[in-house]
Amino acid sequence: MGLPGEIQPVLLEWSSRYDHLREVTREDIIAVWDAATGKQRESRIVALRSLFQHANKDGQIFRNPTIRIRVPRQTGGVLQALVQADIDEAIAAASTPDVRLIVALAAVHAARPRMIRTMQLVDVDLGNRRITVGGHVRPLDDLTRHAVLDWLGHRHSRWPNTANPHLLITQKTAVELGPAGKLWTTRATRNLTATLERLRVDRQLEEALTHGADPHSSSASTRRPPSATRTQHGRF
């Protein structure tokens, strides 16, 4: 069976952790889903589904981890803004300091999951109220500032001696130097309508509708954070 180039990076990454396809879990498939966007997301899941169906038919695996993972079809590239109920649901799910910060970075700063989990402590300049997201320096709005302060307080009290330079860390990465994992970063909103990716796109869509420009352009630094206006008093 020829393997599409689309999933070769995925299989290569799995090979560093697993010895056989039967070790791949549903969580691994979801992590692949979360790491991709648009047509790439659809094509990767479809290719993986075909791979595991073939392996299951040949008796190479005992269960198919891609079962019941739906692949919504693209709607002609037309983006639909999230409604307030979707935003409220995401806010309700943000019940811990780490998730509140993750949601704020996606909703206010249009940050992708990879950008969020690889952010460094030095990317946050509380004194000058600036934050660097994906290499772009942006104003640090009140909502994100509160989320950062809450998280940093929690981070310091739980792991006071960690040397990890990343802004967001976990129990595992606190004793390492690498970033948090994809699955950990996206876990809170995965089953919601307002996933991190939808929150990010909604942020960009709202800015585009309001300003008609790329949210990462130089003029973006003077704009209000649209999604933040959907919360109460700038806080989760």
Protein backbone atom coordinates (compact mmCIF):
# COMPACT_ATOMS: atom_id res chain seq x y z
CA MET A 1 0.00 0.00 0.00
CA GLY A 2 1.50 3.32 -1.07
CA LEU A 3 1.46 5.92 1.66
CA PRO A 4 0.53 9.54 0.80
CA GLY A 5 3.31 12.01 1.53
CA GLU A 6 0.75 13.84 3.67
CA ILE A 7 1.11 11.34 6.52
CA GLN A 8 4.79 10.45 6.22
CA PRO A 9 5.80 13.06 8.86
CA VAL A 10 3.14 11.65 11.17
CA LEU A 11 4.38 8.08 10.78
CA LEU A 12 7.97 9.21 11.27
CA GLU A 13 7.05 10.92 14.53
CA TRP A 14 5.15 7.84 15.72
CA SER A 15 8.11 5.60 14.87
CA SER A 16 10.19 7.45 17.45
CA ARG A 17 7.72 6.38 20.16
CA TYR A 18 6.12 3.17 18.96
CA ASP A 19 7.27 -0.13 17.51
CA HIS A 20 3.99 -1.02 15.79
CA LEU A 21 0.84 0.61 14.42
CA ARG A 22 -1.25 -1.26 16.96
CA GLU A 23 0.24 0.98 19.68
CA VAL A 24 -1.27 4.12 18.13
CA THR A 25 -4.23 5.41 20.13
CA ARG A 26 -7.26 7.56 19.46
CA GLU A 27 -5.46 10.36 21.33
CA ASP A 28 -2.62 10.18 18.79
CA ILE A 29 -5.12 10.60 15.94
CA ILE A 30 -6.73 13.56 17.71
CA ALA A 31 -3.28 15.13 18.16
CA VAL A 32 -2.73 14.86 14.38
CA TRP A 33 -6.15 16.49 13.86
CA ASP A 34 -5.27 19.36 16.23
CA ALA A 35 -1.87 19.96 14.64
CA ALA A 36 -3.27 20.51 11.13
CA THR A 37 -5.77 22.92 9.64
CA GLY A 38 -8.09 23.18 6.64
CA LYS A 39 -7.60 20.78 3.76
CA GLN A 40 -4.41 19.37 5.28
CA ARG A 41 -6.37 18.28 8.35
CA GLU A 42 -8.99 16.57 6.21
CA SER A 43 -6.48 14.86 3.91
CA ARG A 44 -4.36 13.59 6.81
CA ILE A 45 -7.27 12.06 8.68
CA VAL A 46 -8.69 10.50 5.51
CA ALA A 47 -5.26 9.03 4.68
CA LEU A 48 -4.79 7.68 8.22
CA ARG A 49 -8.28 6.20 8.19
CA SER A 50 -7.46 4.40 4.95
CA LEU A 51 -4.16 3.16 6.37
CA PHE A 52 -5.71 1.75 9.54
CA GLN A 53 -8.63 0.20 7.67
CA HIS A 54 -6.13 -1.61 5.44
CA ALA A 55 -4.03 -2.70 8.45
CA ASN A 56 -7.13 -3.94 10.25
CA LYS A 57 -8.28 -5.90 7.21
CA ASP A 58 -4.84 -7.55 6.96
CA GLY A 59 -4.84 -8.42 10.67
CA GLN A 60 -1.91 -6.13 11.49
CA ILE A 61 -3.92 -4.29 14.16
CA PHE A 62 -6.79 -5.33 16.41
CA ARG A 63 -8.67 -2.03 16.61
CA ASN A 64 -8.91 1.03 14.43
CA PRO A 65 -8.13 4.27 16.37
CA THR A 66 -9.66 6.43 13.62
CA ILE A 67 -13.18 5.07 14.15
CA ARG A 68 -15.77 7.71 15.10
CA ILE A 69 -13.40 10.60 14.36
CA ARG A 70 -15.48 12.75 12.04
CA VAL A 71 -13.98 14.79 9.23
CA PRO A 72 -16.19 17.79 8.48
CA ARG A 73 -16.10 18.68 4.81
CA GLN A 74 -14.81 22.09 3.80
CA THR A 75 -17.57 24.56 3.02
CA GLY A 76 -16.04 26.25 0.02
CA GLY A 77 -13.58 28.17 2.16
CA VAL A 78 -16.33 30.37 3.67
CA LEU A 79 -15.52 31.15 7.31
CA GLN A 80 -18.38 31.46 9.78
CA ALA A 81 -17.97 33.53 12.93
CA LEU A 82 -18.62 31.84 16.27
CA VAL A 83 -21.80 32.86 18.05
CA GLN A 84 -21.82 34.14 21.63
CA ALA A 85 -23.00 30.78 22.99
CA ASP A 86 -19.91 29.11 21.50
CA ILE A 87 -17.64 31.71 23.10
CA ASP A 88 -19.41 31.33 26.46
CA GLU A 89 -18.93 27.56 26.32
CA ALA A 90 -15.19 27.97 25.75
CA ILE A 91 -14.96 30.48 28.60
CA ALA A 92 -16.78 28.06 30.92
CA ALA A 93 -14.30 25.33 29.97
CA ALA A 94 -11.40 27.61 30.89
CA SER A 95 -11.57 26.71 34.57
CA THR A 96 -7.85 26.49 35.36
CA PRO A 97 -5.04 29.08 34.99
CA ASP A 98 -3.30 27.21 32.17
CA VAL A 99 -6.45 26.78 30.08
CA ARG A 100 -7.52 30.39 30.66
CA LEU A 101 -4.20 31.58 29.25
CA ILE A 102 -4.36 29.16 26.31
CA VAL A 103 -7.87 30.30 25.40
CA ALA A 104 -6.89 33.97 25.73
CA LEU A 105 -3.91 33.55 23.41
CA ALA A 106 -6.07 31.85 20.79
CA ALA A 107 -9.12 34.09 21.09
CA VAL A 108 -7.41 37.45 21.52
CA HIS A 109 -4.11 37.02 19.69
CA ALA A 110 -5.08 34.47 17.02
CA ALA A 111 -2.30 32.16 18.19
CA ARG A 112 -2.11 28.63 16.81
CA PRO A 113 -1.64 25.74 19.29
CA ARG A 114 2.00 25.36 18.25
CA MET A 115 2.66 29.06 18.86
CA ILE A 116 1.03 28.80 22.26
CA ARG A 117 2.94 25.80 23.51
CA THR A 118 6.31 27.08 22.25
CA MET A 119 6.01 30.58 23.73
CA GLN A 120 8.82 31.50 26.11
CA LEU A 121 8.73 33.45 29.36
CA VAL A 122 10.73 36.22 27.67
CA ASP A 123 7.89 36.65 25.16
CA VAL A 124 5.83 38.34 27.90
CA ASP A 125 6.85 41.89 28.84
CA LEU A 126 4.56 42.80 31.71
CA GLY A 127 6.32 46.10 32.44
CA ASN A 128 5.80 47.46 28.93
CA ARG A 129 2.50 45.57 28.46
CA ARG A 130 3.66 43.76 25.35
CA ILE A 131 3.54 40.14 24.26
CA THR A 132 5.29 38.39 21.38
CA VAL A 133 3.15 35.81 19.59
CA GLY A 134 4.54 33.95 16.60
CA GLY A 135 7.35 36.48 16.27
CA HIS A 136 4.97 39.46 16.26
CA VAL A 137 5.00 41.98 19.12
CA ARG A 138 1.49 42.94 20.21
CA PRO A 139 -0.04 45.04 23.01
CA LEU A 140 -0.80 43.08 26.15
CA ASP A 141 -4.54 43.60 26.68
CA ASP A 142 -6.18 43.40 30.11
CA LEU A 143 -7.75 39.98 29.55
CA THR A 144 -4.49 38.33 28.50
CA ARG A 145 -2.53 40.20 31.18
CA HIS A 146 -4.82 38.87 33.93
CA ALA A 147 -4.53 35.35 32.47
CA VAL A 148 -0.73 35.61 32.33
CA LEU A 149 -0.48 36.85 35.92
CA ASP A 150 -2.80 34.11 37.21
CA TRP A 151 -0.82 31.46 35.36
CA LEU A 152 2.59 32.77 36.45
CA GLY A 153 1.44 32.75 40.07
CA HIS A 154 0.26 29.16 39.73
CA ARG A 155 3.42 28.18 37.82
CA HIS A 156 5.73 29.59 40.48
CA SER A 157 3.85 28.09 43.42
CA ARG A 158 3.75 24.62 41.85
CA TRP A 159 7.19 24.50 40.21
CA PRO A 160 9.32 27.17 41.93
CA ASN A 161 12.62 25.64 40.84
CA THR A 162 11.89 24.72 37.23
CA ALA A 163 14.45 25.77 34.63
CA ASN A 164 12.08 25.30 31.70
CA PRO A 165 12.06 28.56 29.69
CA HIS A 166 8.62 27.98 28.15
CA LEU A 167 5.68 30.03 29.37
CA LEU A 168 3.36 27.03 29.66
CA ILE A 169 4.67 23.90 31.34
CA THR A 170 3.24 20.68 32.70
CA GLN A 171 4.15 18.22 35.45
CA LYS A 172 6.25 16.38 32.87
CA THR A 173 7.95 19.34 31.18
CA ALA A 174 8.65 21.14 34.48
CA VAL A 175 11.68 18.86 34.91
CA GLU A 176 12.67 19.20 31.24
CA LEU A 177 13.40 22.07 28.87
CA GLY A 178 10.99 21.29 26.04
CA PRO A 179 7.49 22.62 25.32
CA ALA A 180 4.20 21.08 26.42
CA GLY A 181 2.63 18.51 24.12
CA LYS A 182 0.01 19.12 21.42
CA LEU A 183 -2.64 17.04 23.14
CA TRP A 184 -2.19 18.84 26.47
CA THR A 185 -2.46 22.24 24.82
CA THR A 186 -5.72 21.53 22.98
CA ARG A 187 -7.43 19.25 25.50
CA ALA A 188 -9.86 21.73 27.09
CA THR A 189 -11.66 22.85 23.93
CA ARG A 190 -11.30 19.74 21.77
CA ASN A 191 -14.93 18.65 22.04
CA LEU A 192 -16.39 22.15 21.88
CA THR A 193 -17.62 24.08 18.87
CA ALA A 194 -15.12 26.79 19.80
CA THR A 195 -11.93 24.78 19.51
CA LEU A 196 -8.63 26.65 19.72
CA GLU A 197 -8.47 26.69 15.93
CA ARG A 198 -12.01 28.08 15.63
CA LEU A 199 -11.24 30.71 18.27
CA ARG A 200 -8.12 31.69 16.34
CA VAL A 201 -9.97 31.88 13.02
CA ASP A 202 -12.83 33.79 14.64
CA ARG A 203 -10.34 36.37 15.90
CA GLN A 204 -8.87 36.80 12.44
CA LEU A 205 -12.29 36.84 10.81
CA GLU A 206 -13.59 39.53 13.16
CA GLU A 207 -10.51 41.69 12.57
CA ALA A 208 -10.79 41.21 8.82
CA LEU A 209 -14.46 42.18 8.86
CA THR A 210 -13.74 45.20 11.04
CA HIS A 211 -10.44 46.41 9.62
CA GLY A 212 -9.99 44.65 6.29
CA ALA A 213 -6.38 43.79 7.05
CA ASP A 214 -4.09 41.01 8.22
CA PRO A 215 -4.29 40.83 12.04
CA HIS A 216 -0.52 40.31 12.14
CA SER A 217 0.26 43.44 10.12
CA SER A 218 1.99 46.36 11.79
CA SER A 219 -1.30 48.22 12.29
CA ALA A 220 -2.67 45.35 14.37
CA SER A 221 -0.67 46.54 17.38
CA THR A 222 -3.08 49.46 17.88
CA ARG A 223 -6.30 47.47 17.67
CA ARG A 224 -8.59 46.42 20.46
CA PRO A 225 -8.88 42.66 21.00
CA PRO A 226 -12.34 41.89 19.51
CA SER A 227 -12.89 38.53 21.17
CA ALA A 228 -12.09 40.04 24.54
CA THR A 229 -15.17 42.23 24.22
CA ARG A 230 -17.30 39.09 24.37
CA THR A 231 -16.18 38.36 27.94
CA GLN A 232 -17.37 40.18 31.00
CA HIS A 233 -15.13 42.99 32.22
CA GLY A 234 -12.12 41.72 30.32
CA ARG A 235 -11.83 38.58 32.44
CA PHE A 236 -12.81 34.93 32.10
